[in-house]
C-alpha cells in the first residue's frame, strides 16, 4: 500500500479517490491490530497524523506503568497489568481468538 500511495502522490489511503479499495479491505480483515483501520484513517484525515499518533500512543499505553504495548500483549510487558492497554481491553476476544488460531 505504501507503493500505491506513493504512486498516487498521497500520504494516506483515505486521501485516494478509490478509498476503500479491495486490497485495503483484505488487509484490514486479516489481523486484529487492523480492526480500527477505518476509524484511524478518518481520524488522521480529521485531526492530522501527529495528533492521531498521540492518541494511538495513549490507547496502547499501560494504565499502570505507561509503557507502550503491542496489540498482542494481553498483559503489560513491563508490569504485568491486565489488560495491557485500552486497545487490548476493547478487542481482547478477537485478539485471543486470533492468537489461538495461529
PDB file of N, CA and C in Angstrom:
ATOM      1  N   UNK A   1       0.798  -1.186   0.000  1.00  0.00           N
ATOM      2  CA  UNK A   1       0.000   0.000   0.000  1.00  0.00           C
ATOM      3  C   UNK A   1       0.851   1.265   0.000  1.00  0.00           C
ATOM      4  N   UNK A   2       2.028   1.179   0.587  1.00  0.00           N
ATOM      5  CA  UNK A   2       2.938   2.323   0.567  1.00  0.00           C
ATOM      6  C   UNK A   2       3.297   2.692  -0.875  1.00  0.00           C
ATOM      7  N   UNK A   3       3.608   1.678  -1.673  1.00  0.00           N
ATOM      8  CA  UNK A   3       3.957   1.924  -3.078  1.00  0.00           C
ATOM      9  C   UNK A   3       2.771   2.538  -3.823  1.00  0.00           C
ATOM     10  N   UNK A   4       1.585   2.039  -3.544  1.00  0.00           N
ATOM     11  CA  UNK A   4       0.377   2.561  -4.195  1.00  0.00           C
ATOM     12  C   UNK A   4       0.162   4.030  -3.825  1.00  0.00           C
ATOM     13  N   UNK A   5       0.271   4.339  -2.535  1.00  0.00           N
ATOM     14  CA  UNK A   5       0.092   5.727  -2.088  1.00  0.00           C
ATOM     15  C   UNK A   5       1.148   6.640  -2.697  1.00  0.00           C
ATOM     16  N   UNK A   6       2.379   6.174  -2.737  1.00  0.00           N
ATOM     17  CA  UNK A   6       3.472   6.957  -3.317  1.00  0.00           C
ATOM     18  C   UNK A   6       3.208   7.225  -4.795  1.00  0.00           C
ATOM     19  N   UNK A   7       2.788   6.188  -5.488  1.00  0.00           N
ATOM     20  CA  UNK A   7       2.486   6.309  -6.921  1.00  0.00           C
ATOM     21  C   UNK A   7       1.377   7.332  -7.175  1.00  0.00           C
ATOM     22  N   UNK A   8       0.426   7.409  -6.259  1.00  0.00           N
ATOM     23  CA  UNK A   8      -0.712   8.325  -6.406  1.00  0.00           C
ATOM     24  C   UNK A   8      -0.426   9.716  -5.833  1.00  0.00           C
ATOM     25  N   UNK A   9       0.733   9.857  -5.164  1.00  0.00           N
ATOM     26  CA  UNK A   9       1.106  11.148  -4.601  1.00  0.00           C
ATOM     27  C   UNK A   9       0.322  11.524  -3.356  1.00  0.00           C
ATOM     28  N   UNK A  10      -0.079  10.522  -2.564  1.00  0.00           N
ATOM     29  CA  UNK A  10      -0.833  10.776  -1.331  1.00  0.00           C
ATOM     30  C   UNK A  10      -0.081  10.187  -0.141  1.00  0.00           C
ATOM     31  N   UNK A  11      -0.448  10.626   1.052  1.00  0.00           N
ATOM     32  CA  UNK A  11       0.191  10.126   2.270  1.00  0.00           C
ATOM     33  C   UNK A  11      -0.588   8.992   2.923  1.00  0.00           C
ATOM     34  N   UNK A  12      -1.908   9.015   2.824  1.00  0.00           N
ATOM     35  CA  UNK A  12      -2.761   8.034   3.472  1.00  0.00           C
ATOM     36  C   UNK A  12      -3.838   7.559   2.505  1.00  0.00           C
ATOM     37  N   UNK A  13      -4.206   6.295   2.639  1.00  0.00           N
ATOM     38  CA  UNK A  13      -5.206   5.697   1.741  1.00  0.00           C
ATOM     39  C   UNK A  13      -6.515   6.476   1.719  1.00  0.00           C
ATOM     40  N   UNK A  14      -6.886   7.064   2.846  1.00  0.00           N
ATOM     41  CA  UNK A  14      -8.155   7.793   2.914  1.00  0.00           C
ATOM     42  C   UNK A  14      -8.179   9.022   2.009  1.00  0.00           C
ATOM     43  N   UNK A  15      -7.032   9.406   1.473  1.00  0.00           N
ATOM     44  CA  UNK A  15      -6.968  10.542   0.551  1.00  0.00           C
ATOM     45  C   UNK A  15      -7.211  10.120  -0.900  1.00  0.00           C
ATOM     46  N   UNK A  16      -7.312   8.832  -1.133  1.00  0.00           N
ATOM     47  CA  UNK A  16      -7.436   8.297  -2.501  1.00  0.00           C
ATOM     48  C   UNK A  16      -8.892   8.308  -2.974  1.00  0.00           C
ATOM     49  N   UNK A  17      -9.080   8.555  -4.253  1.00  0.00           N
ATOM     50  CA  UNK A  17     -10.436   8.541  -4.829  1.00  0.00           C
ATOM     51  C   UNK A  17     -11.015   7.125  -4.868  1.00  0.00           C
ATOM     52  N   UNK A  18     -10.178   6.093  -4.760  1.00  0.00           N
ATOM     53  CA  UNK A  18     -10.650   4.697  -4.768  1.00  0.00           C
ATOM     54  C   UNK A  18     -10.825   4.129  -3.355  1.00  0.00           C
ATOM     55  N   UNK A  19     -10.645   4.953  -2.338  1.00  0.00           N
ATOM     56  CA  UNK A  19     -10.775   4.528  -0.942  1.00  0.00           C
ATOM     57  C   UNK A  19     -12.212   4.185  -0.613  1.00  0.00           C
ATOM     58  N   UNK A  20     -12.455   3.066   0.030  1.00  0.00           N
ATOM     59  CA  UNK A  20     -11.539   1.975   0.342  1.00  0.00           C
ATOM     60  C   UNK A  20     -11.523   0.945  -0.789  1.00  0.00           C
ATOM     61  N   UNK A  21     -10.363   0.605  -1.244  1.00  0.00           N
ATOM     62  CA  UNK A  21     -10.221  -0.371  -2.331  1.00  0.00           C
ATOM     63  C   UNK A  21     -10.263  -1.795  -1.774  1.00  0.00           C
ATOM     64  N   UNK A  22     -10.400  -2.779  -2.658  1.00  0.00           N
ATOM     65  CA  UNK A  22     -10.468  -4.180  -2.235  1.00  0.00           C
ATOM     66  C   UNK A  22      -9.188  -4.624  -1.533  1.00  0.00           C
ATOM     67  N   UNK A  23      -8.041  -4.149  -2.002  1.00  0.00           N
ATOM     68  CA  UNK A  23      -6.773  -4.515  -1.370  1.00  0.00           C
ATOM     69  C   UNK A  23      -6.737  -4.047   0.083  1.00  0.00           C
ATOM     70  N   UNK A  24      -7.199  -2.849   0.336  1.00  0.00           N
ATOM     71  CA  UNK A  24      -7.220  -2.307   1.692  1.00  0.00           C
ATOM     72  C   UNK A  24      -8.232  -3.065   2.561  1.00  0.00           C
ATOM     73  N   UNK A  25      -9.362  -3.431   2.004  1.00  0.00           N
ATOM     74  CA  UNK A  25     -10.370  -4.202   2.749  1.00  0.00           C
ATOM     75  C   UNK A  25      -9.810  -5.556   3.171  1.00  0.00           C
ATOM     76  N   UNK A  26      -9.097  -6.224   2.273  1.00  0.00           N
ATOM     77  CA  UNK A  26      -8.486  -7.526   2.601  1.00  0.00           C
ATOM     78  C   UNK A  26      -7.407  -7.344   3.667  1.00  0.00           C
ATOM     79  N   UNK A  27      -6.601  -6.328   3.534  1.00  0.00           N
ATOM     80  CA  UNK A  27      -5.558  -6.017   4.507  1.00  0.00           C
ATOM     81  C   UNK A  27      -6.170  -5.806   5.891  1.00  0.00           C
ATOM     82  N   UNK A  28      -7.221  -5.024   5.975  1.00  0.00           N
ATOM     83  CA  UNK A  28      -7.858  -4.708   7.249  1.00  0.00           C
ATOM     84  C   UNK A  28      -8.423  -5.948   7.922  1.00  0.00           C
ATOM     85  N   UNK A  29      -9.014  -6.838   7.182  1.00  0.00           N
ATOM     86  CA  UNK A  29      -9.679  -8.007   7.744  1.00  0.00           C
ATOM     87  C   UNK A  29      -8.724  -9.102   8.221  1.00  0.00           C
ATOM     88  N   UNK A  30      -7.461  -9.021   7.850  1.00  0.00           N
ATOM     89  CA  UNK A  30      -6.529 -10.123   8.092  1.00  0.00           C
ATOM     90  C   UNK A  30      -6.039 -10.258   9.536  1.00  0.00           C
ATOM     91  N   UNK A  31      -5.948  -9.171  10.300  1.00  0.00           N
ATOM     92  CA  UNK A  31      -5.339  -9.250  11.628  1.00  0.00           C
ATOM     93  C   UNK A  31      -5.997  -8.288  12.616  1.00  0.00           C
ATOM     94  N   UNK A  32      -6.054  -8.671  13.903  1.00  0.00           N
ATOM     95  CA  UNK A  32      -6.724  -7.839  14.903  1.00  0.00           C
ATOM     96  C   UNK A  32      -6.158  -6.441  15.102  1.00  0.00           C
ATOM     97  N   UNK A  33      -4.873  -6.240  14.861  1.00  0.00           N
ATOM     98  CA  UNK A  33      -4.354  -4.882  15.076  1.00  0.00           C
ATOM     99  C   UNK A  33      -4.844  -3.911  14.013  1.00  0.00           C
ATOM    100  N   UNK A  34      -5.587  -4.424  13.054  1.00  0.00           N
ATOM    101  CA  UNK A  34      -6.142  -3.567  11.990  1.00  0.00           C
ATOM    102  C   UNK A  34      -7.648  -3.342  12.141  1.00  0.00           C
ATOM    103  N   UNK A  35      -8.229  -3.792  13.248  1.00  0.00           N
ATOM    104  CA  UNK A  35      -9.669  -3.681  13.470  1.00  0.00           C
ATOM    105  C   UNK A  35     -10.158  -2.247  13.287  1.00  0.00           C
ATOM    106  N   UNK A  36      -9.422  -1.310  13.805  1.00  0.00           N
ATOM    107  CA  UNK A  36      -9.845   0.094  13.784  1.00  0.00           C
ATOM    108  C   UNK A  36      -9.260   0.879  12.611  1.00  0.00           C
ATOM    109  N   UNK A  37      -8.836   0.197  11.563  1.00  0.00           N
ATOM    110  CA  UNK A  37      -8.211   0.866  10.420  1.00  0.00           C
ATOM    111  C   UNK A  37      -9.074   1.977   9.850  1.00  0.00           C
ATOM    112  N   UNK A  38     -10.345   1.715   9.640  1.00  0.00           N
ATOM    113  CA  UNK A  38     -11.227   2.720   9.025  1.00  0.00           C
ATOM    114  C   UNK A  38     -11.367   3.940   9.929  1.00  0.00           C
ATOM    115  N   UNK A  39     -11.565   3.692  11.212  1.00  0.00           N
ATOM    116  CA  UNK A  39     -11.678   4.782  12.176  1.00  0.00           C
ATOM    117  C   UNK A  39     -10.377   5.576  12.223  1.00  0.00           C
ATOM    118  N   UNK A  40      -9.243   4.861  12.235  1.00  0.00           N
ATOM    119  CA  UNK A  40      -7.948   5.536  12.303  1.00  0.00           C
ATOM    120  C   UNK A  40      -7.681   6.400  11.075  1.00  0.00           C
ATOM    121  N   UNK A  41      -7.993   5.896   9.907  1.00  0.00           N
ATOM    122  CA  UNK A  41      -7.778   6.690   8.694  1.00  0.00           C
ATOM    123  C   UNK A  41      -8.639   7.949   8.689  1.00  0.00           C
ATOM    124  N   UNK A  42      -9.854   7.828   9.190  1.00  0.00           N
ATOM    125  CA  UNK A  42     -10.720   9.007   9.277  1.00  0.00           C
ATOM    126  C   UNK A  42     -10.196   9.997  10.316  1.00  0.00           C
ATOM    127  N   UNK A  43      -9.655   9.472  11.433  1.00  0.00           N
ATOM    128  CA  UNK A  43      -9.080  10.358  12.457  1.00  0.00           C
ATOM    129  C   UNK A  43      -7.878  11.113  11.897  1.00  0.00           C
ATOM    130  N   UNK A  44      -7.010  10.418  11.163  1.00  0.00           N
ATOM    131  CA  UNK A  44      -5.848  11.069  10.558  1.00  0.00           C
ATOM    132  C   UNK A  44      -6.317  12.189   9.634  1.00  0.00           C
ATOM    133  N   UNK A  45      -7.332  11.885   8.858  1.00  0.00           N
ATOM    134  CA  UNK A  45      -7.877  12.866   7.918  1.00  0.00           C
ATOM    135  C   UNK A  45      -8.438  14.086   8.663  1.00  0.00           C
ATOM    136  N   UNK A  46      -9.081  13.845   9.798  1.00  0.00           N
ATOM    137  CA  UNK A  46      -9.743  14.901  10.557  1.00  0.00           C
ATOM    138  C   UNK A  46      -8.787  15.721  11.419  1.00  0.00           C
ATOM    139  N   UNK A  47      -7.903  15.032  12.149  1.00  0.00           N
ATOM    140  CA  UNK A  47      -7.065  15.733  13.129  1.00  0.00           C
ATOM    141  C   UNK A  47      -5.587  15.795  12.756  1.00  0.00           C
ATOM    142  N   UNK A  48      -5.185  15.096  11.691  1.00  0.00           N
ATOM    143  CA  UNK A  48      -3.786  15.063  11.287  1.00  0.00           C
ATOM    144  C   UNK A  48      -3.049  13.910  11.946  1.00  0.00           C
ATOM    145  N   UNK A  49      -1.974  13.484  11.310  1.00  0.00           N
ATOM    146  CA  UNK A  49      -1.277  12.291  11.791  1.00  0.00           C
ATOM    147  C   UNK A  49      -0.538  12.511  13.107  1.00  0.00           C
ATOM    148  N   UNK A  50      -0.085  13.727  13.386  1.00  0.00           N
ATOM    149  CA  UNK A  50       0.647  13.960  14.636  1.00  0.00           C
ATOM    150  C   UNK A  50      -0.273  13.802  15.849  1.00  0.00           C
ATOM    151  N   UNK A  51      -1.450  14.385  15.793  1.00  0.00           N
ATOM    152  CA  UNK A  51      -2.408  14.243  16.892  1.00  0.00           C
ATOM    153  C   UNK A  51      -2.910  12.804  16.976  1.00  0.00           C
ATOM    154  N   UNK A  52      -3.146  12.176  15.828  1.00  0.00           N
ATOM    155  CA  UNK A  52      -3.578  10.777  15.810  1.00  0.00           C
ATOM    156  C   UNK A  52      -2.531   9.886  16.475  1.00  0.00           C
ATOM    157  N   UNK A  53      -1.260  10.129  16.194  1.00  0.00           N
ATOM    158  CA  UNK A  53      -0.192   9.331  16.789  1.00  0.00           C
ATOM    159  C   UNK A  53      -0.198   9.475  18.315  1.00  0.00           C
ATOM    160  N   UNK A  54      -0.460  10.657  18.819  1.00  0.00           N
ATOM    161  CA  UNK A  54      -0.573  10.851  20.267  1.00  0.00           C
ATOM    162  C   UNK A  54      -1.723  10.006  20.834  1.00  0.00           C
ATOM    163  N   UNK A  55      -2.839   9.980  20.124  1.00  0.00           N
ATOM    164  CA  UNK A  55      -3.977   9.175  20.557  1.00  0.00           C
ATOM    165  C   UNK A  55      -3.629   7.685  20.554  1.00  0.00           C
ATOM    166  N   UNK A  56      -2.908   7.239  19.529  1.00  0.00           N
ATOM    167  CA  UNK A  56      -2.532   5.823  19.440  1.00  0.00           C
ATOM    168  C   UNK A  56      -1.584   5.435  20.567  1.00  0.00           C
ATOM    169  N   UNK A  57      -0.655   6.306  20.878  1.00  0.00           N
ATOM    170  CA  UNK A  57       0.260   6.033  21.992  1.00  0.00           C
ATOM    171  C   UNK A  57      -0.523   5.894  23.290  1.00  0.00           C
ATOM    172  N   UNK A  58      -1.508   6.749  23.481  1.00  0.00           N
ATOM    173  CA  UNK A  58      -2.327   6.682  24.692  1.00  0.00           C
ATOM    174  C   UNK A  58      -3.143   5.389  24.729  1.00  0.00           C
ATOM    175  N   UNK A  59      -3.712   4.980  23.606  1.00  0.00           N
ATOM    176  CA  UNK A  59      -4.554   3.777  23.582  1.00  0.00           C
ATOM    177  C   UNK A  59      -3.756   2.487  23.718  1.00  0.00           C
ATOM    178  N   UNK A  60      -2.444   2.548  23.489  1.00  0.00           N
ATOM    179  CA  UNK A  60      -1.597   1.360  23.622  1.00  0.00           C
ATOM    180  C   UNK A  60      -0.677   1.428  24.842  1.00  0.00           C
ATOM    181  N   UNK A  61      -0.860   2.436  25.683  1.00  0.00           N
ATOM    182  CA  UNK A  61      -0.045   2.580  26.895  1.00  0.00           C
ATOM    183  C   UNK A  61      -0.695   1.837  28.057  1.00  0.00           C
ATOM    184  N   UNK A  62       0.136   1.189  28.847  1.00  0.00           N
ATOM    185  CA  UNK A  62      -0.327   0.501  30.051  1.00  0.00           C
ATOM    186  C   UNK A  62      -0.919   1.523  31.015  1.00  0.00           C
ATOM    187  N   UNK A  63      -2.108   1.249  31.559  1.00  0.00           N
ATOM    188  CA  UNK A  63      -2.707   2.200  32.504  1.00  0.00           C
ATOM    189  C   UNK A  63      -1.917   2.299  33.819  1.00  0.00           C
ATOM    190  N   UNK A  64      -1.136   1.285  34.107  1.00  0.00           N
ATOM    191  CA  UNK A  64      -0.360   1.260  35.351  1.00  0.00           C
ATOM    192  C   UNK A  64       1.005   1.937  35.207  1.00  0.00           C
ATOM    193  N   UNK A  65       1.816   1.499  34.232  1.00  0.00           N
ATOM    194  CA  UNK A  65       3.205   1.973  34.138  1.00  0.00           C
ATOM    195  C   UNK A  65       3.492   2.842  32.909  1.00  0.00           C
ATOM    196  N   UNK A  66       2.511   2.973  32.011  1.00  0.00           N
ATOM    197  CA  UNK A  66       2.577   3.839  30.825  1.00  0.00           C
ATOM    198  C   UNK A  66       3.496   3.363  29.691  1.00  0.00           C
ATOM    199  N   UNK A  67       4.068   2.160  29.785  1.00  0.00           N
ATOM    200  CA  UNK A  67       4.867   1.646  28.667  1.00  0.00           C
ATOM    201  C   UNK A  67       3.929   1.336  27.504  1.00  0.00           C
ATOM    202  N   UNK A  68       4.417   1.489  26.289  1.00  0.00           N
ATOM    203  CA  UNK A  68       3.625   1.185  25.095  1.00  0.00           C
ATOM    204  C   UNK A  68       3.677  -0.326  24.864  1.00  0.00           C
ATOM    205  N   UNK A  69       2.508  -0.935  24.706  1.00  0.00           N
ATOM    206  CA  UNK A  69       2.394  -2.364  24.460  1.00  0.00           C
ATOM    207  C   UNK A  69       1.870  -2.629  23.057  1.00  0.00           C
ATOM    208  N   UNK A  70       2.152  -3.807  22.576  1.00  0.00           N
ATOM    209  CA  UNK A  70       1.643  -4.259  21.284  1.00  0.00           C
ATOM    210  C   UNK A  70       0.173  -4.625  21.419  1.00  0.00           C
ATOM    211  N   UNK A  71      -0.520  -4.635  20.308  1.00  0.00           N
ATOM    212  CA  UNK A  71      -1.892  -5.118  20.258  1.00  0.00           C
ATOM    213  C   UNK A  71      -1.985  -6.546  20.786  1.00  0.00           C
ATOM    214  N   UNK A  72      -0.931  -7.309  20.656  1.00  0.00           N
ATOM    215  CA  UNK A  72      -0.943  -8.725  21.014  1.00  0.00           C
ATOM    216  C   UNK A  72      -0.403  -8.992  22.416  1.00  0.00           C
ATOM    217  N   UNK A  73      -0.057  -7.957  23.165  1.00  0.00           N
ATOM    218  CA  UNK A  73       0.352  -8.107  24.563  1.00  0.00           C
ATOM    219  C   UNK A  73      -0.897  -8.063  25.426  1.00  0.00           C
ATOM    220  N   UNK A  74      -1.401  -9.220  25.803  1.00  0.00           N
ATOM    221  CA  UNK A  74      -2.591  -9.247  26.648  1.00  0.00           C
ATOM    222  C   UNK A  74      -2.280  -8.716  28.042  1.00  0.00           C
ATOM    223  N   UNK A  75      -1.057  -8.963  28.513  1.00  0.00           N
ATOM    224  CA  UNK A  75      -0.554  -8.415  29.765  1.00  0.00           C
ATOM    225  C   UNK A  75       0.561  -7.426  29.427  1.00  0.00           C
ATOM    226  N   UNK A  76       0.716  -6.411  30.258  1.00  0.00           N
ATOM    227  CA  UNK A  76       1.779  -5.433  30.044  1.00  0.00           C
ATOM    228  C   UNK A  76       3.130  -6.126  30.078  1.00  0.00           C
ATOM    229  N   UNK A  77       3.946  -5.809  29.113  1.00  0.00           N
ATOM    230  CA  UNK A  77       5.266  -6.434  29.017  1.00  0.00           C
ATOM    231  C   UNK A  77       6.208  -5.986  30.128  1.00  0.00           C
ATOM    232  N   UNK A  78       5.913  -4.872  30.780  1.00  0.00           N
ATOM    233  CA  UNK A  78       6.777  -4.404  31.871  1.00  0.00           C
ATOM    234  C   UNK A  78       6.238  -4.814  33.246  1.00  0.00           C
ATOM    235  N   UNK A  79       5.006  -4.457  33.553  1.00  0.00           N
ATOM    236  CA  UNK A  79       4.498  -4.638  34.919  1.00  0.00           C
ATOM    237  C   UNK A  79       3.492  -5.775  35.080  1.00  0.00           C
ATOM    238  N   UNK A  80       3.025  -6.351  33.956  1.00  0.00           N
ATOM    239  CA  UNK A  80       2.076  -7.467  34.032  1.00  0.00           C
ATOM    240  C   UNK A  80       0.618  -7.065  34.166  1.00  0.00           C
ATOM    241  N   UNK A  81       0.324  -5.761  34.141  1.00  0.00           N
ATOM    242  CA  UNK A  81      -1.063  -5.277  34.213  1.00  0.00           C
ATOM    243  C   UNK A  81      -1.895  -5.942  33.125  1.00  0.00           C
ATOM    244  N   UNK A  82      -3.119  -6.321  33.489  1.00  0.00           N
ATOM    245  CA  UNK A  82      -4.005  -6.967  32.536  1.00  0.00           C
ATOM    246  C   UNK A  82      -5.353  -6.265  32.532  1.00  0.00           C
ATOM    247  N   UNK A  83      -5.841  -5.838  31.400  1.00  0.00           N
ATOM    248  CA  UNK A  83      -5.227  -5.876  30.076  1.00  0.00           C
ATOM    249  C   UNK A  83      -4.080  -4.859  29.973  1.00  0.00           C
ATOM    250  N   UNK A  84      -3.285  -5.046  28.962  1.00  0.00           N
ATOM    251  CA  UNK A  84      -2.072  -4.236  28.803  1.00  0.00           C
ATOM    252  C   UNK A  84      -2.343  -2.788  28.421  1.00  0.00           C
ATOM    253  N   UNK A  85      -3.510  -2.535  27.819  1.00  0.00           N
ATOM    254  CA  UNK A  85      -3.846  -1.175  27.369  1.00  0.00           C
ATOM    255  C   UNK A  85      -5.326  -1.126  27.009  1.00  0.00           C
ATOM    256  N   UNK A  86      -5.826   0.058  26.729  1.00  0.00           N
ATOM    257  CA  UNK A  86      -7.254   0.201  26.417  1.00  0.00           C
ATOM    258  C   UNK A  86      -7.624  -0.475  25.096  1.00  0.00           C
ATOM    259  N   UNK A  87      -6.705  -0.496  24.125  1.00  0.00           N
ATOM    260  CA  UNK A  87      -6.985  -1.174  22.858  1.00  0.00           C
ATOM    261  C   UNK A  87      -7.219  -2.664  23.090  1.00  0.00           C
ATOM    262  N   UNK A  88      -6.355  -3.290  23.866  1.00  0.00           N
ATOM    263  CA  UNK A  88      -6.493  -4.723  24.162  1.00  0.00           C
ATOM    264  C   UNK A  88      -7.775  -4.964  24.960  1.00  0.00           C
ATOM    265  N   UNK A  89      -8.092  -4.099  25.896  1.00  0.00           N
ATOM    266  CA  UNK A  89      -9.326  -4.245  26.668  1.00  0.00           C
ATOM    267  C   UNK A  89     -10.544  -4.239  25.745  1.00  0.00           C
ATOM    268  N   UNK A  90     -10.530  -3.368  24.781  1.00  0.00           N
ATOM    269  CA  UNK A  90     -11.656  -3.217  23.848  1.00  0.00           C
ATOM    270  C   UNK A  90     -11.781  -4.395  22.887  1.00  0.00           C
ATOM    271  N   UNK A  91     -10.658  -4.981  22.469  1.00  0.00           N
ATOM    272  CA  UNK A  91     -10.670  -6.010  21.433  1.00  0.00           C
ATOM    273  C   UNK A  91     -10.114  -7.360  21.896  1.00  0.00           C
ATOM    274  N   UNK A  92     -10.104  -7.605  23.188  1.00  0.00           N
ATOM    275  CA  UNK A  92      -9.436  -8.801  23.720  1.00  0.00           C
ATOM    276  C   UNK A  92      -9.966 -10.111  23.154  1.00  0.00           C
ATOM    277  N   UNK A  93     -11.251 -10.226  22.964  1.00  0.00           N
ATOM    278  CA  UNK A  93     -11.803 -11.502  22.470  1.00  0.00           C
ATOM    279  C   UNK A  93     -11.331 -11.810  21.052  1.00  0.00           C
ATOM    280  N   UNK A  94     -11.324 -10.818  20.185  1.00  0.00           N
ATOM    281  CA  UNK A  94     -10.853 -11.013  18.813  1.00  0.00           C
ATOM    282  C   UNK A  94      -9.361 -11.343  18.806  1.00  0.00           C
ATOM    283  N   UNK A  95      -8.600 -10.658  19.640  1.00  0.00           N
ATOM    284  CA  UNK A  95      -7.157 -10.897  19.717  1.00  0.00           C
ATOM    285  C   UNK A  95      -6.876 -12.305  20.226  1.00  0.00           C
ATOM    286  N   UNK A  96      -7.566 -12.715  21.291  1.00  0.00           N
ATOM    287  CA  UNK A  96      -7.388 -14.072  21.843  1.00  0.00           C
ATOM    288  C   UNK A  96      -7.731 -15.134  20.796  1.00  0.00           C
ATOM    289  N   UNK A  97      -8.804 -14.947  20.079  1.00  0.00           N
ATOM    290  CA  UNK A  97      -9.205 -15.913  19.039  1.00  0.00           C
ATOM    291  C   UNK A  97      -8.152 -15.996  17.941  1.00  0.00           C
ATOM    292  N   UNK A  98      -7.641 -14.855  17.525  1.00  0.00           N
ATOM    293  CA  UNK A  98      -6.602 -14.825  16.502  1.00  0.00           C
ATOM    294  C   UNK A  98      -5.347 -15.572  16.973  1.00  0.00           C
ATOM    295  N   UNK A  99      -4.938 -15.294  18.208  1.00  0.00           N
ATOM    296  CA  UNK A  99      -3.736 -15.946  18.758  1.00  0.00           C
ATOM    297  C   UNK A  99      -3.945 -17.458  18.893  1.00  0.00           C
ATOM    298  N   UNK A 100      -5.130 -17.860  19.253  1.00  0.00           N
ATOM    299  CA  UNK A 100      -5.450 -19.283  19.403  1.00  0.00           C
ATOM    300  C   UNK A 100      -5.356 -20.015  18.065  1.00  0.00           C
ATOM    301  N   UNK A 101      -5.766 -19.347  16.998  1.00  0.00           N
ATOM    302  CA  UNK A 101      -5.794 -19.964  15.668  1.00  0.00           C
ATOM    303  C   UNK A 101      -4.478 -19.900  14.926  1.00  0.00           C
ATOM    304  N   UNK A 102      -3.495 -19.263  15.478  1.00  0.00           N
ATOM    305  CA  UNK A 102      -2.204 -19.134  14.803  1.00  0.00           C
ATOM    306  C   UNK A 102      -1.400 -20.372  14.896  1.00  0.00           C
TER     307      UNK A 102
END
